[in-house]
Amino acid sequence: MKELIIYLAQSLVDEPEAVTVTESETDDAIVYELHVAADDMGRVIGKHGKIAKAIRSIVKSASYKMPKKVVVEIK
């Protein structure tokens, strides 16, 4: 899942080497934190959050068989 998020983010930004994803796990969810360069934040979020929603939808679809909920946070 982490590789999918990195791939999606790197294809959107101007500085793909600055893209990192950290993974943490809680009792009921797996949380992925996506970090990008400050200049690329707008590209990843998009107008009215449309690109961020699309990234979350793709990840949610890819993780439908996982036993825990998957959450993507953009920081």
C-alpha atoms as a PDB file:
ATOM      1  CA  MET A   1       0.000   0.000   0.000  1.00  0.00           C
ATOM      2  CA  LYS A   2       2.856   2.326   0.867  1.00  0.00           C
ATOM      3  CA  GLU A   3       4.349   1.863  -2.619  1.00  0.00           C
ATOM      4  CA  LEU A   4       1.019   2.732  -4.232  1.00  0.00           C
ATOM      5  CA  ILE A   5       0.785   6.013  -2.315  1.00  0.00           C
ATOM      6  CA  ILE A   6       4.385   6.896  -3.169  1.00  0.00           C
ATOM      7  CA  TYR A   7       3.789   6.131  -6.853  1.00  0.00           C
ATOM      8  CA  LEU A   8       0.650   8.266  -6.996  1.00  0.00           C
ATOM      9  CA  ALA A   9       2.264  11.204  -5.211  1.00  0.00           C
ATOM     10  CA  GLN A  10       5.509  11.102  -7.200  1.00  0.00           C
ATOM     11  CA  SER A  11       3.586  11.220 -10.463  1.00  0.00           C
ATOM     12  CA  LEU A  12       1.911  14.472  -9.356  1.00  0.00           C
ATOM     13  CA  VAL A  13       4.747  16.554  -7.892  1.00  0.00           C
ATOM     14  CA  ASP A  14       7.722  18.495  -9.259  1.00  0.00           C
ATOM     15  CA  GLU A  15      10.087  17.119  -6.593  1.00  0.00           C
ATOM     16  CA  PRO A  16       9.478  13.346  -6.499  1.00  0.00           C
ATOM     17  CA  GLU A  17      12.561  12.725  -4.344  1.00  0.00           C
ATOM     18  CA  ALA A  18      10.911  14.702  -1.506  1.00  0.00           C
ATOM     19  CA  VAL A  19       7.931  12.326  -1.288  1.00  0.00           C
ATOM     20  CA  THR A  20       7.908  10.121   1.806  1.00  0.00           C
ATOM     21  CA  VAL A  21       5.258   7.965   3.426  1.00  0.00           C
ATOM     22  CA  THR A  22       5.270   6.844   7.045  1.00  0.00           C
ATOM     23  CA  GLU A  23       3.082   4.057   8.319  1.00  0.00           C
ATOM     24  CA  SER A  24       1.608   3.692  11.790  1.00  0.00           C
ATOM     25  CA  GLU A  25      -0.959   1.295  13.141  1.00  0.00           C
ATOM     26  CA  THR A  26      -3.671   1.754  15.728  1.00  0.00           C
ATOM     27  CA  ASP A  27      -6.137  -0.777  17.110  1.00  0.00           C
ATOM     28  CA  ASP A  28      -8.650  -0.287  14.313  1.00  0.00           C
ATOM     29  CA  ALA A  29      -6.762   1.445  11.467  1.00  0.00           C
ATOM     30  CA  ILE A  30      -3.555   1.691   9.514  1.00  0.00           C
ATOM     31  CA  VAL A  31      -2.527   5.323   9.032  1.00  0.00           C
ATOM     32  CA  TYR A  32      -0.280   6.427   6.172  1.00  0.00           C
ATOM     33  CA  GLU A  33       1.158   9.947   6.399  1.00  0.00           C
ATOM     34  CA  LEU A  34       2.151  11.400   3.038  1.00  0.00           C
ATOM     35  CA  HIS A  35       4.843  14.084   3.193  1.00  0.00           C
ATOM     36  CA  VAL A  36       5.695  16.223   0.155  1.00  0.00           C
ATOM     37  CA  ALA A  37       7.700  19.396  -0.436  1.00  0.00           C
ATOM     38  CA  ALA A  38       5.930  22.591   0.598  1.00  0.00           C
ATOM     39  CA  ASP A  39       5.794  23.813  -3.015  1.00  0.00           C
ATOM     40  CA  ASP A  40       4.049  20.607  -4.116  1.00  0.00           C
ATOM     41  CA  MET A  41       1.380  20.571  -1.411  1.00  0.00           C
ATOM     42  CA  GLY A  42      -1.177  22.268  -3.663  1.00  0.00           C
ATOM     43  CA  ARG A  43      -0.588  19.740  -6.429  1.00  0.00           C
ATOM     44  CA  VAL A  44      -1.297  16.829  -4.094  1.00  0.00           C
ATOM     45  CA  ILE A  45      -4.374  18.396  -2.499  1.00  0.00           C
ATOM     46  CA  GLY A  46      -5.872  19.921  -5.650  1.00  0.00           C
ATOM     47  CA  LYS A  47      -8.723  22.376  -5.991  1.00  0.00           C
ATOM     48  CA  HIS A  48     -11.232  21.834  -3.202  1.00  0.00           C
ATOM     49  CA  GLY A  49      -9.338  18.691  -2.210  1.00  0.00           C
ATOM     50  CA  LYS A  50     -10.325  16.721  -5.306  1.00  0.00           C
ATOM     51  CA  ILE A  51      -6.930  15.095  -5.875  1.00  0.00           C
ATOM     52  CA  ALA A  52      -6.569  14.222  -2.190  1.00  0.00           C
ATOM     53  CA  LYS A  53     -10.022  12.588  -2.316  1.00  0.00           C
ATOM     54  CA  ALA A  54      -9.019  10.662  -5.430  1.00  0.00           C
ATOM     55  CA  ILE A  55      -5.837   9.370  -3.768  1.00  0.00           C
ATOM     56  CA  ARG A  56      -7.844   8.284  -0.733  1.00  0.00           C
ATOM     57  CA  SER A  57     -10.435   6.569  -2.951  1.00  0.00           C
ATOM     58  CA  ILE A  58      -7.791   4.605  -4.840  1.00  0.00           C
ATOM     59  CA  VAL A  59      -6.124   3.508  -1.613  1.00  0.00           C
ATOM     60  CA  LYS A  60      -9.475   2.573  -0.085  1.00  0.00           C
ATOM     61  CA  SER A  61     -10.350   0.488  -3.142  1.00  0.00           C
ATOM     62  CA  ALA A  62      -6.975  -1.242  -3.089  1.00  0.00           C
ATOM     63  CA  SER A  63      -7.312  -2.079   0.603  1.00  0.00           C
ATOM     64  CA  TYR A  64     -10.860  -3.425   0.686  1.00  0.00           C
ATOM     65  CA  LYS A  65      -9.744  -6.924   1.745  1.00  0.00           C
ATOM     66  CA  MET A  66      -7.542  -5.691   4.570  1.00  0.00           C
ATOM     67  CA  PRO A  67      -8.876  -6.390   8.060  1.00  0.00           C
ATOM     68  CA  LYS A  68      -8.322  -2.798   9.229  1.00  0.00           C
ATOM     69  CA  LYS A  69      -9.428   0.563   7.892  1.00  0.00           C
ATOM     70  CA  VAL A  70      -6.753   2.420   5.900  1.00  0.00           C
ATOM     71  CA  VAL A  71      -6.383   6.183   6.360  1.00  0.00           C
ATOM     72  CA  VAL A  72      -4.221   8.533   4.259  1.00  0.00           C
ATOM     73  CA  GLU A  73      -3.172  11.820   5.844  1.00  0.00           C
ATOM     74  CA  ILE A  74      -1.400  14.483   3.799  1.00  0.00           C
ATOM     75  CA  LYS A  75       1.108  16.558   5.754  1.00  0.00           C
END
